[in-house]
């Protein structure tokens, strides 16, 4: 099981609603964030429901790589 599947996919399914908005799915995340660093930085400012992972930059970088984001400078 990937880190994305274990920690993210259940809420980032394009159906889950948080604060009146549908949470972005994997495809939307890939379009919004162009690099791993941008993705990890945004996750660090995420809602409380992501507290279990949002302060784990290494984990977030691995998740971003799993969904196809590249490090800055390697696009």
PDB file of N, CA and C in Angstrom:
ATOM      1  N   UNK A   1       0.838  -1.171   0.000  1.00  0.00           N
ATOM      2  CA  UNK A   1       0.000   0.000   0.000  1.00  0.00           C
ATOM      3  C   UNK A   1       0.890   1.244   0.000  1.00  0.00           C
ATOM      4  N   UNK A   2       0.584   2.180  -0.873  1.00  0.00           N
ATOM      5  CA  UNK A   2       1.393   3.395  -0.963  1.00  0.00           C
ATOM      6  C   UNK A   2       1.059   4.359   0.175  1.00  0.00           C
ATOM      7  N   UNK A   3       1.929   5.317   0.390  1.00  0.00           N
ATOM      8  CA  UNK A   3       1.675   6.340   1.402  1.00  0.00           C
ATOM      9  C   UNK A   3       0.425   7.144   1.040  1.00  0.00           C
ATOM     10  N   UNK A   4       0.256   7.438  -0.253  1.00  0.00           N
ATOM     11  CA  UNK A   4      -0.942   8.150  -0.706  1.00  0.00           C
ATOM     12  C   UNK A   4      -2.197   7.365  -0.301  1.00  0.00           C
ATOM     13  N   UNK A   5      -2.191   6.084  -0.569  1.00  0.00           N
ATOM     14  CA  UNK A   5      -3.354   5.252  -0.236  1.00  0.00           C
ATOM     15  C   UNK A   5      -3.580   5.203   1.275  1.00  0.00           C
ATOM     16  N   UNK A   6      -2.523   5.115   2.024  1.00  0.00           N
ATOM     17  CA  UNK A   6      -2.620   4.968   3.479  1.00  0.00           C
ATOM     18  C   UNK A   6      -3.042   6.266   4.167  1.00  0.00           C
ATOM     19  N   UNK A   7      -2.495   7.406   3.721  1.00  0.00           N
ATOM     20  CA  UNK A   7      -2.688   8.643   4.469  1.00  0.00           C
ATOM     21  C   UNK A   7      -3.574   9.688   3.798  1.00  0.00           C
ATOM     22  N   UNK A   8      -3.790   9.611   2.499  1.00  0.00           N
ATOM     23  CA  UNK A   8      -4.395  10.738   1.794  1.00  0.00           C
ATOM     24  C   UNK A   8      -5.672  10.416   1.020  1.00  0.00           C
ATOM     25  N   UNK A   9      -5.676   9.291   0.358  1.00  0.00           N
ATOM     26  CA  UNK A   9      -6.702   8.972  -0.625  1.00  0.00           C
ATOM     27  C   UNK A   9      -8.132   8.995  -0.071  1.00  0.00           C
ATOM     28  N   UNK A  10      -8.324   8.591   1.168  1.00  0.00           N
ATOM     29  CA  UNK A  10      -9.674   8.523   1.729  1.00  0.00           C
ATOM     30  C   UNK A  10     -10.364   9.884   1.733  1.00  0.00           C
ATOM     31  N   UNK A  11      -9.632  10.938   1.998  1.00  0.00           N
ATOM     32  CA  UNK A  11     -10.228  12.285   2.012  1.00  0.00           C
ATOM     33  C   UNK A  11     -10.059  12.993   0.665  1.00  0.00           C
ATOM     34  N   UNK A  12      -8.926  12.764   0.001  1.00  0.00           N
ATOM     35  CA  UNK A  12      -8.656  13.425  -1.284  1.00  0.00           C
ATOM     36  C   UNK A  12      -9.187  12.566  -2.427  1.00  0.00           C
ATOM     37  N   UNK A  13     -10.498  12.354  -2.367  1.00  0.00           N
ATOM     38  CA  UNK A  13     -11.170  11.495  -3.344  1.00  0.00           C
ATOM     39  C   UNK A  13     -12.081  12.272  -4.289  1.00  0.00           C
ATOM     40  N   UNK A  14     -12.119  13.599  -4.150  1.00  0.00           N
ATOM     41  CA  UNK A  14     -12.982  14.416  -4.999  1.00  0.00           C
ATOM     42  C   UNK A  14     -14.432  14.399  -4.562  1.00  0.00           C
ATOM     43  N   UNK A  15     -14.730  13.778  -3.420  1.00  0.00           N
ATOM     44  CA  UNK A  15     -16.101  13.691  -2.900  1.00  0.00           C
ATOM     45  C   UNK A  15     -16.227  14.238  -1.482  1.00  0.00           C
ATOM     46  N   UNK A  16     -15.152  14.162  -0.719  1.00  0.00           N
ATOM     47  CA  UNK A  16     -15.169  14.586   0.674  1.00  0.00           C
ATOM     48  C   UNK A  16     -15.315  16.098   0.752  1.00  0.00           C
ATOM     49  N   UNK A  17     -16.183  16.566   1.643  1.00  0.00           N
ATOM     50  CA  UNK A  17     -16.430  17.995   1.816  1.00  0.00           C
ATOM     51  C   UNK A  17     -15.840  18.448   3.147  1.00  0.00           C
ATOM     52  N   UNK A  18     -15.101  19.558   3.121  1.00  0.00           N
ATOM     53  CA  UNK A  18     -14.516  20.160   4.307  1.00  0.00           C
ATOM     54  C   UNK A  18     -14.788  21.655   4.239  1.00  0.00           C
ATOM     55  N   UNK A  19     -15.374  22.193   5.272  1.00  0.00           N
ATOM     56  CA  UNK A  19     -15.709  23.618   5.327  1.00  0.00           C
ATOM     57  C   UNK A  19     -16.510  24.072   4.108  1.00  0.00           C
ATOM     58  N   UNK A  20     -17.419  23.225   3.667  1.00  0.00           N
ATOM     59  CA  UNK A  20     -18.304  23.570   2.560  1.00  0.00           C
ATOM     60  C   UNK A  20     -17.708  23.428   1.173  1.00  0.00           C
ATOM     61  N   UNK A  21     -16.476  22.919   1.075  1.00  0.00           N
ATOM     62  CA  UNK A  21     -15.814  22.751  -0.225  1.00  0.00           C
ATOM     63  C   UNK A  21     -15.385  21.297  -0.401  1.00  0.00           C
ATOM     64  N   UNK A  22     -15.437  20.831  -1.632  1.00  0.00           N
ATOM     65  CA  UNK A  22     -14.965  19.480  -1.930  1.00  0.00           C
ATOM     66  C   UNK A  22     -13.440  19.483  -1.888  1.00  0.00           C
ATOM     67  N   UNK A  23     -12.879  18.528  -1.180  1.00  0.00           N
ATOM     68  CA  UNK A  23     -11.424  18.402  -1.049  1.00  0.00           C
ATOM     69  C   UNK A  23     -10.858  17.938  -2.398  1.00  0.00           C
ATOM     70  N   UNK A  24      -9.741  18.526  -2.801  1.00  0.00           N
ATOM     71  CA  UNK A  24      -9.111  18.205  -4.092  1.00  0.00           C
ATOM     72  C   UNK A  24      -8.732  16.732  -4.173  1.00  0.00           C
ATOM     73  N   UNK A  25      -8.910  16.162  -5.355  1.00  0.00           N
ATOM     74  CA  UNK A  25      -8.472  14.786  -5.580  1.00  0.00           C
ATOM     75  C   UNK A  25      -7.044  14.792  -6.122  1.00  0.00           C
ATOM     76  N   UNK A  26      -6.508  13.616  -6.365  1.00  0.00           N
ATOM     77  CA  UNK A  26      -5.116  13.482  -6.815  1.00  0.00           C
ATOM     78  C   UNK A  26      -4.840  14.285  -8.084  1.00  0.00           C
ATOM     79  N   UNK A  27      -5.712  14.202  -9.060  1.00  0.00           N
ATOM     80  CA  UNK A  27      -5.513  14.922 -10.317  1.00  0.00           C
ATOM     81  C   UNK A  27      -5.496  16.422 -10.121  1.00  0.00           C
ATOM     82  N   UNK A  28      -6.375  16.924  -9.286  1.00  0.00           N
ATOM     83  CA  UNK A  28      -6.426  18.359  -9.014  1.00  0.00           C
ATOM     84  C   UNK A  28      -5.174  18.826  -8.276  1.00  0.00           C
ATOM     85  N   UNK A  29      -4.693  18.001  -7.367  1.00  0.00           N
ATOM     86  CA  UNK A  29      -3.472  18.329  -6.633  1.00  0.00           C
ATOM     87  C   UNK A  29      -2.293  18.400  -7.603  1.00  0.00           C
ATOM     88  N   UNK A  30      -2.202  17.435  -8.516  1.00  0.00           N
ATOM     89  CA  UNK A  30      -1.103  17.417  -9.484  1.00  0.00           C
ATOM     90  C   UNK A  30      -1.138  18.651 -10.386  1.00  0.00           C
ATOM     91  N   UNK A  31      -2.318  19.135 -10.718  1.00  0.00           N
ATOM     92  CA  UNK A  31      -2.439  20.340 -11.554  1.00  0.00           C
ATOM     93  C   UNK A  31      -2.082  21.597 -10.770  1.00  0.00           C
ATOM     94  N   UNK A  32      -2.450  21.635  -9.511  1.00  0.00           N
ATOM     95  CA  UNK A  32      -2.261  22.837  -8.696  1.00  0.00           C
ATOM     96  C   UNK A  32      -0.812  23.041  -8.275  1.00  0.00           C
ATOM     97  N   UNK A  33      -0.147  21.966  -7.872  1.00  0.00           N
ATOM     98  CA  UNK A  33       1.221  22.073  -7.360  1.00  0.00           C
ATOM     99  C   UNK A  33       2.198  21.516  -8.378  1.00  0.00           C
ATOM    100  N   UNK A  34       3.130  22.336  -8.788  1.00  0.00           N
ATOM    101  CA  UNK A  34       4.059  21.961  -9.859  1.00  0.00           C
ATOM    102  C   UNK A  34       5.290  21.231  -9.346  1.00  0.00           C
ATOM    103  N   UNK A  35       5.626  21.411  -8.067  1.00  0.00           N
ATOM    104  CA  UNK A  35       6.828  20.757  -7.530  1.00  0.00           C
ATOM    105  C   UNK A  35       6.529  20.095  -6.185  1.00  0.00           C
ATOM    106  N   UNK A  36       7.389  19.180  -5.800  1.00  0.00           N
ATOM    107  CA  UNK A  36       7.268  18.534  -4.497  1.00  0.00           C
ATOM    108  C   UNK A  36       7.327  19.557  -3.359  1.00  0.00           C
ATOM    109  N   UNK A  37       8.226  20.509  -3.486  1.00  0.00           N
ATOM    110  CA  UNK A  37       8.407  21.494  -2.429  1.00  0.00           C
ATOM    111  C   UNK A  37       7.175  22.381  -2.265  1.00  0.00           C
ATOM    112  N   UNK A  38       6.581  22.774  -3.384  1.00  0.00           N
ATOM    113  CA  UNK A  38       5.367  23.581  -3.340  1.00  0.00           C
ATOM    114  C   UNK A  38       4.233  22.793  -2.658  1.00  0.00           C
ATOM    115  N   UNK A  39       4.109  21.537  -3.019  1.00  0.00           N
ATOM    116  CA  UNK A  39       3.104  20.650  -2.433  1.00  0.00           C
ATOM    117  C   UNK A  39       3.318  20.494  -0.927  1.00  0.00           C
ATOM    118  N   UNK A  40       4.532  20.176  -0.510  1.00  0.00           N
ATOM    119  CA  UNK A  40       4.827  19.972   0.910  1.00  0.00           C
ATOM    120  C   UNK A  40       4.590  21.254   1.704  1.00  0.00           C
ATOM    121  N   UNK A  41       4.950  22.401   1.133  1.00  0.00           N
ATOM    122  CA  UNK A  41       4.714  23.678   1.801  1.00  0.00           C
ATOM    123  C   UNK A  41       3.239  23.960   2.003  1.00  0.00           C
ATOM    124  N   UNK A  42       2.440  23.650   1.009  1.00  0.00           N
ATOM    125  CA  UNK A  42       0.993  23.863   1.115  1.00  0.00           C
ATOM    126  C   UNK A  42       0.392  22.929   2.150  1.00  0.00           C
ATOM    127  N   UNK A  43       0.857  21.703   2.198  1.00  0.00           N
ATOM    128  CA  UNK A  43       0.338  20.742   3.181  1.00  0.00           C
ATOM    129  C   UNK A  43       0.651  21.186   4.602  1.00  0.00           C
ATOM    130  N   UNK A  44       1.754  21.879   4.787  1.00  0.00           N
ATOM    131  CA  UNK A  44       2.132  22.374   6.102  1.00  0.00           C
ATOM    132  C   UNK A  44       1.176  23.418   6.638  1.00  0.00           C
ATOM    133  N   UNK A  45       0.391  24.015   5.755  1.00  0.00           N
ATOM    134  CA  UNK A  45      -0.584  25.037   6.145  1.00  0.00           C
ATOM    135  C   UNK A  45      -2.005  24.490   6.086  1.00  0.00           C
ATOM    136  N   UNK A  46      -2.141  23.191   6.072  1.00  0.00           N
ATOM    137  CA  UNK A  46      -3.433  22.541   5.884  1.00  0.00           C
ATOM    138  C   UNK A  46      -4.277  22.554   7.175  1.00  0.00           C
ATOM    139  N   UNK A  47      -5.541  22.168   7.051  1.00  0.00           N
ATOM    140  CA  UNK A  47      -6.437  22.138   8.209  1.00  0.00           C
ATOM    141  C   UNK A  47      -5.996  21.128   9.274  1.00  0.00           C
ATOM    142  N   UNK A  48      -6.586  21.259  10.445  1.00  0.00           N
ATOM    143  CA  UNK A  48      -6.245  20.389  11.578  1.00  0.00           C
ATOM    144  C   UNK A  48      -6.419  18.908  11.282  1.00  0.00           C
ATOM    145  N   UNK A  49      -7.330  18.555  10.396  1.00  0.00           N
ATOM    146  CA  UNK A  49      -7.565  17.141  10.107  1.00  0.00           C
ATOM    147  C   UNK A  49      -6.330  16.463   9.510  1.00  0.00           C
ATOM    148  N   UNK A  50      -5.381  17.261   9.002  1.00  0.00           N
ATOM    149  CA  UNK A  50      -4.148  16.701   8.443  1.00  0.00           C
ATOM    150  C   UNK A  50      -2.982  16.742   9.436  1.00  0.00           C
ATOM    151  N   UNK A  51      -3.257  17.052  10.689  1.00  0.00           N
ATOM    152  CA  UNK A  51      -2.185  17.177  11.686  1.00  0.00           C
ATOM    153  C   UNK A  51      -1.281  15.957  11.749  1.00  0.00           C
ATOM    154  N   UNK A  52      -1.814  14.776  11.500  1.00  0.00           N
ATOM    155  CA  UNK A  52      -1.022  13.551  11.614  1.00  0.00           C
ATOM    156  C   UNK A  52       0.136  13.522  10.618  1.00  0.00           C
ATOM    157  N   UNK A  53       0.012  14.227   9.502  1.00  0.00           N
ATOM    158  CA  UNK A  53       1.080  14.203   8.494  1.00  0.00           C
ATOM    159  C   UNK A  53       1.643  15.566   8.142  1.00  0.00           C
ATOM    160  N   UNK A  54       0.951  16.651   8.458  1.00  0.00           N
ATOM    161  CA  UNK A  54       1.348  17.944   7.903  1.00  0.00           C
ATOM    162  C   UNK A  54       2.685  18.477   8.402  1.00  0.00           C
ATOM    163  N   UNK A  55       3.217  17.948   9.476  1.00  0.00           N
ATOM    164  CA  UNK A  55       4.521  18.399   9.970  1.00  0.00           C
ATOM    165  C   UNK A  55       5.634  17.417   9.621  1.00  0.00           C
ATOM    166  N   UNK A  56       5.340  16.481   8.764  1.00  0.00           N
ATOM    167  CA  UNK A  56       6.300  15.458   8.344  1.00  0.00           C
ATOM    168  C   UNK A  56       6.719  15.722   6.909  1.00  0.00           C
ATOM    169  N   UNK A  57       7.627  16.684   6.708  1.00  0.00           N
ATOM    170  CA  UNK A  57       8.000  17.082   5.360  1.00  0.00           C
ATOM    171  C   UNK A  57       8.518  15.914   4.529  1.00  0.00           C
ATOM    172  N   UNK A  58       9.310  15.052   5.113  1.00  0.00           N
ATOM    173  CA  UNK A  58       9.830  13.901   4.378  1.00  0.00           C
ATOM    174  C   UNK A  58       8.720  13.011   3.861  1.00  0.00           C
ATOM    175  N   UNK A  59       7.723  12.779   4.683  1.00  0.00           N
ATOM    176  CA  UNK A  59       6.567  11.973   4.284  1.00  0.00           C
ATOM    177  C   UNK A  59       5.808  12.667   3.157  1.00  0.00           C
ATOM    178  N   UNK A  60       5.598  13.966   3.289  1.00  0.00           N
ATOM    179  CA  UNK A  60       4.878  14.708   2.260  1.00  0.00           C
ATOM    180  C   UNK A  60       5.624  14.698   0.928  1.00  0.00           C
ATOM    181  N   UNK A  61       6.940  14.792   0.984  1.00  0.00           N
ATOM    182  CA  UNK A  61       7.733  14.725  -0.248  1.00  0.00           C
ATOM    183  C   UNK A  61       7.591  13.357  -0.908  1.00  0.00           C
ATOM    184  N   UNK A  62       7.551  12.307  -0.106  1.00  0.00           N
ATOM    185  CA  UNK A  62       7.373  10.954  -0.653  1.00  0.00           C
ATOM    186  C   UNK A  62       5.986  10.798  -1.275  1.00  0.00           C
ATOM    187  N   UNK A  63       4.973  11.320  -0.606  1.00  0.00           N
ATOM    188  CA  UNK A  63       3.612  11.250  -1.138  1.00  0.00           C
ATOM    189  C   UNK A  63       3.538  12.012  -2.459  1.00  0.00           C
ATOM    190  N   UNK A  64       4.110  13.207  -2.497  1.00  0.00           N
ATOM    191  CA  UNK A  64       4.117  13.996  -3.730  1.00  0.00           C
ATOM    192  C   UNK A  64       4.794  13.269  -4.875  1.00  0.00           C
ATOM    193  N   UNK A  65       5.892  12.605  -4.572  1.00  0.00           N
ATOM    194  CA  UNK A  65       6.588  11.824  -5.604  1.00  0.00           C
ATOM    195  C   UNK A  65       5.717  10.666  -6.082  1.00  0.00           C
ATOM    196  N   UNK A  66       5.010  10.035  -5.159  1.00  0.00           N
ATOM    197  CA  UNK A  66       4.125   8.924  -5.535  1.00  0.00           C
ATOM    198  C   UNK A  66       3.038   9.351  -6.510  1.00  0.00           C
ATOM    199  N   UNK A  67       2.545  10.574  -6.348  1.00  0.00           N
ATOM    200  CA  UNK A  67       1.461  11.018  -7.237  1.00  0.00           C
ATOM    201  C   UNK A  67       1.987  11.693  -8.499  1.00  0.00           C
ATOM    202  N   UNK A  68       3.305  11.771  -8.626  1.00  0.00           N
ATOM    203  CA  UNK A  68       3.881  12.235  -9.889  1.00  0.00           C
ATOM    204  C   UNK A  68       4.456  13.640  -9.882  1.00  0.00           C
ATOM    205  N   UNK A  69       4.607  14.262  -8.727  1.00  0.00           N
ATOM    206  CA  UNK A  69       5.226  15.581  -8.672  1.00  0.00           C
ATOM    207  C   UNK A  69       6.748  15.425  -8.674  1.00  0.00           C
ATOM    208  N   UNK A  70       7.421  16.372  -9.279  1.00  0.00           N
ATOM    209  CA  UNK A  70       8.877  16.327  -9.367  1.00  0.00           C
ATOM    210  C   UNK A  70       9.488  17.385  -8.467  1.00  0.00           C
ATOM    211  N   UNK A  71      10.734  17.177  -8.042  1.00  0.00           N
ATOM    212  CA  UNK A  71      11.426  18.217  -7.283  1.00  0.00           C
ATOM    213  C   UNK A  71      11.621  19.458  -8.146  1.00  0.00           C
ATOM    214  N   UNK A  72      11.757  20.611  -7.510  1.00  0.00           N
ATOM    215  CA  UNK A  72      11.986  21.835  -8.276  1.00  0.00           C
ATOM    216  C   UNK A  72      13.269  21.661  -9.110  1.00  0.00           C
ATOM    217  N   UNK A  73      13.240  22.159 -10.305  1.00  0.00           N
ATOM    218  CA  UNK A  73      14.382  22.038 -11.199  1.00  0.00           C
ATOM    219  C   UNK A  73      14.395  20.750 -12.015  1.00  0.00           C
ATOM    220  N   UNK A  74      13.465  19.835 -11.805  1.00  0.00           N
ATOM    221  CA  UNK A  74      13.435  18.560 -12.529  1.00  0.00           C
ATOM    222  C   UNK A  74      12.089  18.317 -13.166  1.00  0.00           C
ATOM    223  N   UNK A  75      11.524  19.295 -13.805  1.00  0.00           N
ATOM    224  CA  UNK A  75      10.206  19.157 -14.414  1.00  0.00           C
ATOM    225  C   UNK A  75      10.299  18.679 -15.818  1.00  0.00           C
TER     226      UNK A  75
END
